[in-house]
Amino acid sequence: MSILSEFLKSKTNIKTVSVTALKQLLNEQEKIQLLDVRTPAEFNQQHISKAVNIDVFKSDFVQKCQSKFEMSKPILLYCRSGQRSLNAAKKLDQIGFQDIYNLKGGMIAWSNFSSKSK
Protein backbone atom coordinates (compact mmCIF):
# COMPACT_ATOMS: atom_id res chain seq x y z
CA MET A 1 0.00 0.00 0.00
CA SER A 2 1.35 3.43 -0.89
CA ILE A 3 2.06 6.16 1.65
CA LEU A 4 -0.60 8.37 0.06
CA SER A 5 -3.32 5.74 0.35
CA GLU A 6 -2.35 5.12 3.99
CA PHE A 7 -2.62 8.87 4.64
CA LEU A 8 -6.02 9.10 2.97
CA LYS A 9 -7.25 6.05 4.84
CA SER A 10 -6.24 7.56 8.19
CA LYS A 11 -7.91 10.92 7.51
CA THR A 12 -10.44 11.74 10.21
CA ASN A 13 -13.40 14.03 10.71
CA ILE A 14 -11.83 15.55 13.84
CA LYS A 15 -10.95 19.24 13.99
CA THR A 16 -9.13 20.83 16.92
CA VAL A 17 -10.56 24.22 17.88
CA SER A 18 -9.43 26.99 20.21
CA VAL A 19 -11.57 28.49 22.94
CA THR A 20 -12.08 31.57 20.77
CA ALA A 21 -13.32 29.39 17.90
CA LEU A 22 -15.62 27.53 20.29
CA LYS A 23 -17.15 30.81 21.45
CA GLN A 24 -17.88 31.63 17.80
CA LEU A 25 -19.32 28.17 17.17
CA LEU A 26 -21.61 28.51 20.18
CA ASN A 27 -22.78 31.93 19.03
CA GLU A 28 -23.25 30.99 15.38
CA GLN A 29 -24.37 27.37 15.56
CA GLU A 30 -27.08 26.65 18.06
CA LYS A 31 -27.15 23.08 16.82
CA ILE A 32 -23.66 22.14 17.97
CA GLN A 33 -23.75 19.27 20.45
CA LEU A 34 -21.51 19.55 23.52
CA LEU A 35 -19.98 16.46 25.11
CA ASP A 36 -17.97 16.59 28.33
CA VAL A 37 -16.03 13.30 28.54
CA ARG A 38 -14.71 13.82 32.08
CA THR A 39 -15.88 12.02 35.21
CA PRO A 40 -19.18 13.08 36.81
CA ALA A 41 -17.24 14.57 39.74
CA GLU A 42 -15.21 16.78 37.37
CA PHE A 43 -18.36 17.73 35.48
CA ASN A 44 -20.15 18.74 38.69
CA GLN A 45 -17.28 21.07 39.64
CA GLN A 46 -17.50 23.05 36.40
CA HIS A 47 -18.74 22.54 32.86
CA ILE A 48 -19.76 24.42 29.74
CA SER A 49 -23.45 25.32 29.66
CA LYS A 50 -25.67 22.79 27.83
CA ALA A 51 -22.95 20.10 27.81
CA VAL A 52 -23.87 16.45 28.30
CA ASN A 53 -21.56 14.41 30.52
CA ILE A 54 -20.54 10.91 29.39
CA ASP A 55 -17.38 9.52 30.98
CA VAL A 56 -15.02 8.28 28.26
CA PHE A 57 -13.59 5.65 30.63
CA LYS A 58 -16.94 3.86 31.05
CA SER A 59 -17.46 0.71 29.00
CA ASP A 60 -20.77 1.99 27.60
CA PHE A 61 -19.33 5.32 26.37
CA VAL A 62 -19.89 4.63 22.66
CA GLN A 63 -23.40 3.25 23.17
CA LYS A 64 -24.44 6.27 25.26
CA CYS A 65 -23.07 8.66 22.64
CA GLN A 66 -24.99 6.88 19.90
CA SER A 67 -28.23 7.16 21.86
CA LYS A 68 -27.82 10.80 23.04
CA PHE A 69 -26.33 12.50 19.97
CA GLU A 70 -27.09 12.79 16.27
CA MET A 71 -24.17 11.48 14.23
CA SER A 72 -24.75 13.90 11.35
CA LYS A 73 -24.73 17.08 13.49
CA PRO A 74 -21.58 18.86 14.70
CA ILE A 75 -20.34 17.66 18.09
CA LEU A 76 -17.70 19.28 20.27
CA LEU A 77 -15.88 17.24 22.89
CA TYR A 78 -13.83 18.47 25.80
CA CYS A 79 -12.13 17.21 28.94
CA ARG A 80 -9.73 18.78 31.43
CA SER A 81 -6.81 19.39 29.06
CA GLY A 82 -7.78 18.02 25.64
CA GLN A 83 -6.24 14.53 25.63
CA ARG A 84 -9.16 12.40 26.84
CA SER A 85 -11.52 14.25 24.52
CA LEU A 86 -9.20 13.61 21.57
CA ASN A 87 -9.25 9.89 22.35
CA ALA A 88 -13.03 10.03 22.69
CA ALA A 89 -13.29 11.92 19.39
CA LYS A 90 -11.36 9.12 17.67
CA LYS A 91 -13.90 6.60 19.01
CA LEU A 92 -16.78 8.68 17.65
CA ASP A 93 -15.02 9.07 14.30
CA GLN A 94 -14.65 5.28 14.06
CA ILE A 95 -18.39 4.72 14.51
CA GLY A 96 -19.43 7.32 11.93
CA PHE A 97 -19.82 10.72 13.57
CA GLN A 98 -19.18 13.17 10.74
CA ASP A 99 -18.36 16.62 12.15
CA ILE A 100 -16.25 16.33 15.32
CA TYR A 101 -14.50 19.13 17.18
CA ASN A 102 -12.01 18.76 20.04
CA LEU A 103 -11.43 21.73 22.36
CA LYS A 104 -7.71 22.50 22.48
CA GLY A 105 -6.66 22.83 26.12
CA GLY A 106 -10.01 21.59 27.45
CA MET A 107 -11.62 23.07 30.55
CA ILE A 108 -8.29 24.55 31.62
CA ALA A 109 -8.24 26.75 28.51
CA TRP A 110 -11.99 27.46 28.80
CA SER A 111 -11.64 28.56 32.44
CA ASN A 112 -8.65 30.78 31.66
CA PHE A 113 -10.49 32.38 28.74
CA SER A 114 -13.70 32.86 30.73
CA SER A 115 -11.89 34.50 33.66
CA LYS A 116 -10.04 36.88 31.30
CA SER A 117 -13.21 37.92 29.49
CA LYS A 118 -15.04 38.92 32.70
C-alpha atoms as a PDB file:
ATOM      1  CA  MET A   1       0.000   0.000   0.000  1.00  0.00           C
ATOM      2  CA  SER A   2       1.351   3.425  -0.892  1.00  0.00           C
ATOM      3  CA  ILE A   3       2.058   6.161   1.652  1.00  0.00           C
ATOM      4  CA  LEU A   4      -0.603   8.372   0.058  1.00  0.00           C
ATOM      5  CA  SER A   5      -3.324   5.740   0.347  1.00  0.00           C
ATOM      6  CA  GLU A   6      -2.348   5.123   3.990  1.00  0.00           C
ATOM      7  CA  PHE A   7      -2.619   8.870   4.645  1.00  0.00           C
ATOM      8  CA  LEU A   8      -6.022   9.100   2.969  1.00  0.00           C
ATOM      9  CA  LYS A   9      -7.252   6.049   4.841  1.00  0.00           C
ATOM     10  CA  SER A  10      -6.239   7.561   8.189  1.00  0.00           C
ATOM     11  CA  LYS A  11      -7.911  10.922   7.505  1.00  0.00           C
ATOM     12  CA  THR A  12     -10.440  11.737  10.215  1.00  0.00           C
ATOM     13  CA  ASN A  13     -13.402  14.032  10.705  1.00  0.00           C
ATOM     14  CA  ILE A  14     -11.830  15.552  13.838  1.00  0.00           C
ATOM     15  CA  LYS A  15     -10.948  19.236  13.990  1.00  0.00           C
ATOM     16  CA  THR A  16      -9.132  20.834  16.923  1.00  0.00           C
ATOM     17  CA  VAL A  17     -10.555  24.225  17.881  1.00  0.00           C
ATOM     18  CA  SER A  18      -9.429  26.988  20.206  1.00  0.00           C
ATOM     19  CA  VAL A  19     -11.573  28.491  22.944  1.00  0.00           C
ATOM     20  CA  THR A  20     -12.083  31.572  20.767  1.00  0.00           C
ATOM     21  CA  ALA A  21     -13.317  29.386  17.900  1.00  0.00           C
ATOM     22  CA  LEU A  22     -15.619  27.526  20.289  1.00  0.00           C
ATOM     23  CA  LYS A  23     -17.151  30.809  21.449  1.00  0.00           C
ATOM     24  CA  GLN A  24     -17.881  31.635  17.795  1.00  0.00           C
ATOM     25  CA  LEU A  25     -19.321  28.166  17.166  1.00  0.00           C
ATOM     26  CA  LEU A  26     -21.608  28.508  20.182  1.00  0.00           C
ATOM     27  CA  ASN A  27     -22.781  31.927  19.028  1.00  0.00           C
ATOM     28  CA  GLU A  28     -23.246  30.986  15.376  1.00  0.00           C
ATOM     29  CA  GLN A  29     -24.365  27.374  15.561  1.00  0.00           C
ATOM     30  CA  GLU A  30     -27.080  26.652  18.058  1.00  0.00           C
ATOM     31  CA  LYS A  31     -27.149  23.085  16.824  1.00  0.00           C
ATOM     32  CA  ILE A  32     -23.659  22.142  17.974  1.00  0.00           C
ATOM     33  CA  GLN A  33     -23.753  19.273  20.449  1.00  0.00           C
ATOM     34  CA  LEU A  34     -21.506  19.555  23.520  1.00  0.00           C
ATOM     35  CA  LEU A  35     -19.982  16.461  25.106  1.00  0.00           C
ATOM     36  CA  ASP A  36     -17.970  16.590  28.327  1.00  0.00           C
ATOM     37  CA  VAL A  37     -16.029  13.302  28.545  1.00  0.00           C
ATOM     38  CA  ARG A  38     -14.711  13.821  32.084  1.00  0.00           C
ATOM     39  CA  THR A  39     -15.882  12.023  35.213  1.00  0.00           C
ATOM     40  CA  PRO A  40     -19.182  13.077  36.810  1.00  0.00           C
ATOM     41  CA  ALA A  41     -17.236  14.574  39.744  1.00  0.00           C
ATOM     42  CA  GLU A  42     -15.208  16.776  37.368  1.00  0.00           C
ATOM     43  CA  PHE A  43     -18.363  17.730  35.475  1.00  0.00           C
ATOM     44  CA  ASN A  44     -20.150  18.740  38.686  1.00  0.00           C
ATOM     45  CA  GLN A  45     -17.284  21.069  39.644  1.00  0.00           C
ATOM     46  CA  GLN A  46     -17.505  23.053  36.399  1.00  0.00           C
ATOM     47  CA  HIS A  47     -18.741  22.542  32.858  1.00  0.00           C
ATOM     48  CA  ILE A  48     -19.758  24.425  29.743  1.00  0.00           C
ATOM     49  CA  SER A  49     -23.446  25.317  29.663  1.00  0.00           C
ATOM     50  CA  LYS A  50     -25.669  22.787  27.828  1.00  0.00           C
ATOM     51  CA  ALA A  51     -22.953  20.100  27.811  1.00  0.00           C
ATOM     52  CA  VAL A  52     -23.875  16.451  28.304  1.00  0.00           C
ATOM     53  CA  ASN A  53     -21.555  14.410  30.515  1.00  0.00           C
ATOM     54  CA  ILE A  54     -20.545  10.915  29.389  1.00  0.00           C
ATOM     55  CA  ASP A  55     -17.383   9.521  30.984  1.00  0.00           C
ATOM     56  CA  VAL A  56     -15.022   8.279  28.264  1.00  0.00           C
ATOM     57  CA  PHE A  57     -13.590   5.652  30.629  1.00  0.00           C
ATOM     58  CA  LYS A  58     -16.937   3.859  31.054  1.00  0.00           C
ATOM     59  CA  SER A  59     -17.459   0.708  29.001  1.00  0.00           C
ATOM     60  CA  ASP A  60     -20.768   1.991  27.595  1.00  0.00           C
ATOM     61  CA  PHE A  61     -19.329   5.323  26.373  1.00  0.00           C
ATOM     62  CA  VAL A  62     -19.891   4.633  22.661  1.00  0.00           C
ATOM     63  CA  GLN A  63     -23.404   3.253  23.172  1.00  0.00           C
ATOM     64  CA  LYS A  64     -24.445   6.267  25.264  1.00  0.00           C
ATOM     65  CA  CYS A  65     -23.066   8.657  22.643  1.00  0.00           C
ATOM     66  CA  GLN A  66     -24.990   6.880  19.902  1.00  0.00           C
ATOM     67  CA  SER A  67     -28.232   7.162  21.862  1.00  0.00           C
ATOM     68  CA  LYS A  68     -27.819  10.795  23.039  1.00  0.00           C
ATOM     69  CA  PHE A  69     -26.328  12.496  19.970  1.00  0.00           C
ATOM     70  CA  GLU A  70     -27.093  12.786  16.269  1.00  0.00           C
ATOM     71  CA  MET A  71     -24.168  11.475  14.231  1.00  0.00           C
ATOM     72  CA  SER A  72     -24.750  13.901  11.353  1.00  0.00           C
ATOM     73  CA  LYS A  73     -24.728  17.083  13.492  1.00  0.00           C
ATOM     74  CA  PRO A  74     -21.584  18.861  14.701  1.00  0.00           C
ATOM     75  CA  ILE A  75     -20.344  17.658  18.085  1.00  0.00           C
ATOM     76  CA  LEU A  76     -17.703  19.275  20.273  1.00  0.00           C
ATOM     77  CA  LEU A  77     -15.879  17.235  22.886  1.00  0.00           C
ATOM     78  CA  TYR A  78     -13.826  18.472  25.799  1.00  0.00           C
ATOM     79  CA  CYS A  79     -12.134  17.207  28.945  1.00  0.00           C
ATOM     80  CA  ARG A  80      -9.730  18.785  31.431  1.00  0.00           C
ATOM     81  CA  SER A  81      -6.815  19.390  29.061  1.00  0.00           C
ATOM     82  CA  GLY A  82      -7.776  18.016  25.643  1.00  0.00           C
ATOM     83  CA  GLN A  83      -6.243  14.531  25.632  1.00  0.00           C
ATOM     84  CA  ARG A  84      -9.165  12.400  26.838  1.00  0.00           C
ATOM     85  CA  SER A  85     -11.516  14.252  24.519  1.00  0.00           C
ATOM     86  CA  LEU A  86      -9.201  13.614  21.566  1.00  0.00           C
ATOM     87  CA  ASN A  87      -9.248   9.888  22.345  1.00  0.00           C
ATOM     88  CA  ALA A  88     -13.035  10.030  22.691  1.00  0.00           C
ATOM     89  CA  ALA A  89     -13.288  11.923  19.386  1.00  0.00           C
ATOM     90  CA  LYS A  90     -11.363   9.121  17.674  1.00  0.00           C
ATOM     91  CA  LYS A  91     -13.896   6.603  19.007  1.00  0.00           C
ATOM     92  CA  LEU A  92     -16.780   8.682  17.650  1.00  0.00           C
ATOM     93  CA  ASP A  93     -15.022   9.066  14.303  1.00  0.00           C
ATOM     94  CA  GLN A  94     -14.650   5.284  14.059  1.00  0.00           C
ATOM     95  CA  ILE A  95     -18.388   4.721  14.505  1.00  0.00           C
ATOM     96  CA  GLY A  96     -19.426   7.316  11.935  1.00  0.00           C
ATOM     97  CA  PHE A  97     -19.824  10.724  13.568  1.00  0.00           C
ATOM     98  CA  GLN A  98     -19.177  13.173  10.739  1.00  0.00           C
ATOM     99  CA  ASP A  99     -18.361  16.616  12.151  1.00  0.00           C
ATOM    100  CA  ILE A 100     -16.250  16.331  15.317  1.00  0.00           C
ATOM    101  CA  TYR A 101     -14.503  19.133  17.179  1.00  0.00           C
ATOM    102  CA  ASN A 102     -12.013  18.762  20.039  1.00  0.00           C
ATOM    103  CA  LEU A 103     -11.427  21.725  22.358  1.00  0.00           C
ATOM    104  CA  LYS A 104      -7.714  22.504  22.483  1.00  0.00           C
ATOM    105  CA  GLY A 105      -6.662  22.829  26.124  1.00  0.00           C
ATOM    106  CA  GLY A 106     -10.010  21.586  27.446  1.00  0.00           C
ATOM    107  CA  MET A 107     -11.621  23.074  30.552  1.00  0.00           C
ATOM    108  CA  ILE A 108      -8.286  24.546  31.623  1.00  0.00           C
ATOM    109  CA  ALA A 109      -8.242  26.747  28.514  1.00  0.00           C
ATOM    110  CA  TRP A 110     -11.991  27.461  28.801  1.00  0.00           C
ATOM    111  CA  SER A 111     -11.641  28.564  32.440  1.00  0.00           C
ATOM    112  CA  ASN A 112      -8.649  30.778  31.664  1.00  0.00           C
ATOM    113  CA  PHE A 113     -10.491  32.377  28.741  1.00  0.00           C
ATOM    114  CA  SER A 114     -13.697  32.865  30.727  1.00  0.00           C
ATOM    115  CA  SER A 115     -11.894  34.498  33.655  1.00  0.00           C
ATOM    116  CA  LYS A 116     -10.040  36.875  31.299  1.00  0.00           C
ATOM    117  CA  SER A 117     -13.213  37.917  29.489  1.00  0.00           C
ATOM    118  CA  LYS A 118     -15.035  38.923  32.701  1.00  0.00           C
END
